[in-house]
């Protein structure tokens, strides 16, 4: 239960900065400040949605091929193109997150 209230004074620039960062993160000012103060990492990563979509699609294709192989419907599949693309996407997501990380 949140029954305590904390009031702080900010300059207009400080308020604008917090508001802008909270908006980028898709949270309220209060949630942004609380997460920041409690040591939570907040990520704002432009372009991650498309990379995640591609990553899931490749993973789904690999999963479908695995099911077909386990069911005996296919015997030999060259997975190297899928694995190569999956690895490439994984690396891109990791690098994007590392560049955008801040506390």
Protein backbone atom coordinates (compact mmCIF):
# COMPACT_ATOMS: atom_id res chain seq x y z
CA UNK A 1 0.00 0.00 0.00
CA UNK A 2 1.41 3.37 -1.00
CA UNK A 3 0.36 5.76 1.71
CA UNK A 4 3.40 8.05 1.89
CA UNK A 5 3.84 11.19 -0.12
CA UNK A 6 7.13 12.90 -1.03
CA UNK A 7 7.31 16.43 -2.34
CA UNK A 8 10.36 17.94 -4.02
CA UNK A 9 11.14 21.25 -5.64
CA UNK A 10 12.54 21.33 -9.16
CA UNK A 11 13.63 23.98 -11.59
CA UNK A 12 11.70 24.17 -14.83
CA UNK A 13 14.64 22.59 -16.68
CA UNK A 14 14.83 19.70 -14.22
CA UNK A 15 11.08 19.14 -14.47
CA UNK A 16 11.20 19.26 -18.28
CA UNK A 17 14.08 16.77 -18.36
CA UNK A 18 12.32 14.30 -16.07
CA UNK A 19 9.05 14.70 -17.96
CA UNK A 20 10.76 14.15 -21.31
CA UNK A 21 12.58 11.03 -20.12
CA UNK A 22 9.44 9.64 -18.50
CA UNK A 23 7.49 10.21 -21.71
CA UNK A 24 10.21 8.47 -23.74
CA UNK A 25 10.07 5.52 -21.35
CA UNK A 26 6.27 5.44 -21.55
CA UNK A 27 5.74 5.93 -17.81
CA UNK A 28 4.50 8.69 -15.51
CA UNK A 29 6.89 11.14 -13.90
CA UNK A 30 6.24 9.45 -10.56
CA UNK A 31 6.96 5.96 -11.90
CA UNK A 32 10.11 7.21 -13.66
CA UNK A 33 11.48 8.85 -10.51
CA UNK A 34 10.61 5.86 -8.35
CA UNK A 35 12.20 3.33 -10.72
CA UNK A 36 15.29 5.51 -11.08
CA UNK A 37 15.71 5.93 -7.33
CA UNK A 38 15.14 2.25 -6.62
CA UNK A 39 18.01 1.27 -8.91
CA UNK A 40 15.87 -0.03 -11.78
CA UNK A 41 17.31 0.28 -15.25
CA UNK A 42 15.12 2.17 -17.69
CA UNK A 43 15.66 1.52 -21.38
CA UNK A 44 14.42 3.68 -24.20
CA UNK A 45 15.46 1.96 -27.39
CA UNK A 46 14.28 3.21 -30.77
CA UNK A 47 13.97 0.50 -33.43
CA UNK A 48 13.90 -2.45 -31.02
CA UNK A 49 10.35 -3.43 -32.01
CA UNK A 50 11.32 -4.31 -35.59
CA UNK A 51 14.41 -6.23 -34.47
CA UNK A 52 12.31 -8.18 -31.96
CA UNK A 53 9.71 -8.98 -34.64
CA UNK A 54 12.39 -10.35 -36.98
CA UNK A 55 14.03 -12.27 -34.13
CA UNK A 56 10.73 -13.93 -33.17
CA UNK A 57 9.98 -14.81 -36.81
CA UNK A 58 13.33 -16.55 -37.22
CA UNK A 59 12.88 -18.37 -33.91
CA UNK A 60 9.40 -19.46 -34.99
CA UNK A 61 10.78 -20.84 -38.26
CA UNK A 62 13.48 -22.76 -36.40
CA UNK A 63 10.87 -24.15 -34.02
CA UNK A 64 8.65 -25.32 -36.90
CA UNK A 65 11.59 -27.05 -38.59
CA UNK A 66 12.48 -28.75 -35.31
CA UNK A 67 8.92 -30.07 -34.94
CA UNK A 68 8.94 -31.39 -38.52
CA UNK A 69 12.29 -33.11 -37.95
CA UNK A 70 11.13 -34.65 -34.66
CA UNK A 71 7.94 -35.89 -36.35
CA UNK A 72 10.03 -37.56 -39.06
CA UNK A 73 8.51 -35.42 -41.82
CA UNK A 74 11.88 -34.05 -42.88
CA UNK A 75 15.29 -35.60 -42.55
CA UNK A 76 17.93 -33.11 -43.54
CA UNK A 77 17.68 -29.37 -43.24
CA UNK A 78 20.48 -26.89 -43.70
CA UNK A 79 19.86 -24.64 -40.71
CA UNK A 80 22.97 -22.54 -41.21
CA UNK A 81 21.14 -19.65 -42.97
CA UNK A 82 18.54 -19.52 -40.17
CA UNK A 83 21.13 -19.81 -37.42
CA UNK A 84 23.33 -17.19 -39.04
CA UNK A 85 20.43 -14.74 -39.31
CA UNK A 86 19.26 -15.53 -35.79
CA UNK A 87 22.75 -14.88 -34.45
CA UNK A 88 22.98 -11.65 -36.45
CA UNK A 89 19.66 -10.43 -35.03
CA UNK A 90 20.66 -11.43 -31.49
CA UNK A 91 23.90 -9.50 -31.80
CA UNK A 92 22.08 -6.44 -33.20
CA UNK A 93 19.60 -6.45 -30.31
CA UNK A 94 22.40 -6.83 -27.76
CA UNK A 95 24.46 -4.01 -29.30
CA UNK A 96 21.45 -1.72 -29.52
CA UNK A 97 20.60 -2.32 -25.87
CA UNK A 98 24.21 -1.78 -24.77
CA UNK A 99 24.39 1.57 -26.61
CA UNK A 100 21.13 2.79 -25.12
CA UNK A 101 21.61 1.64 -21.52
CA UNK A 102 21.47 4.33 -18.86
CA UNK A 103 20.41 4.59 -15.25
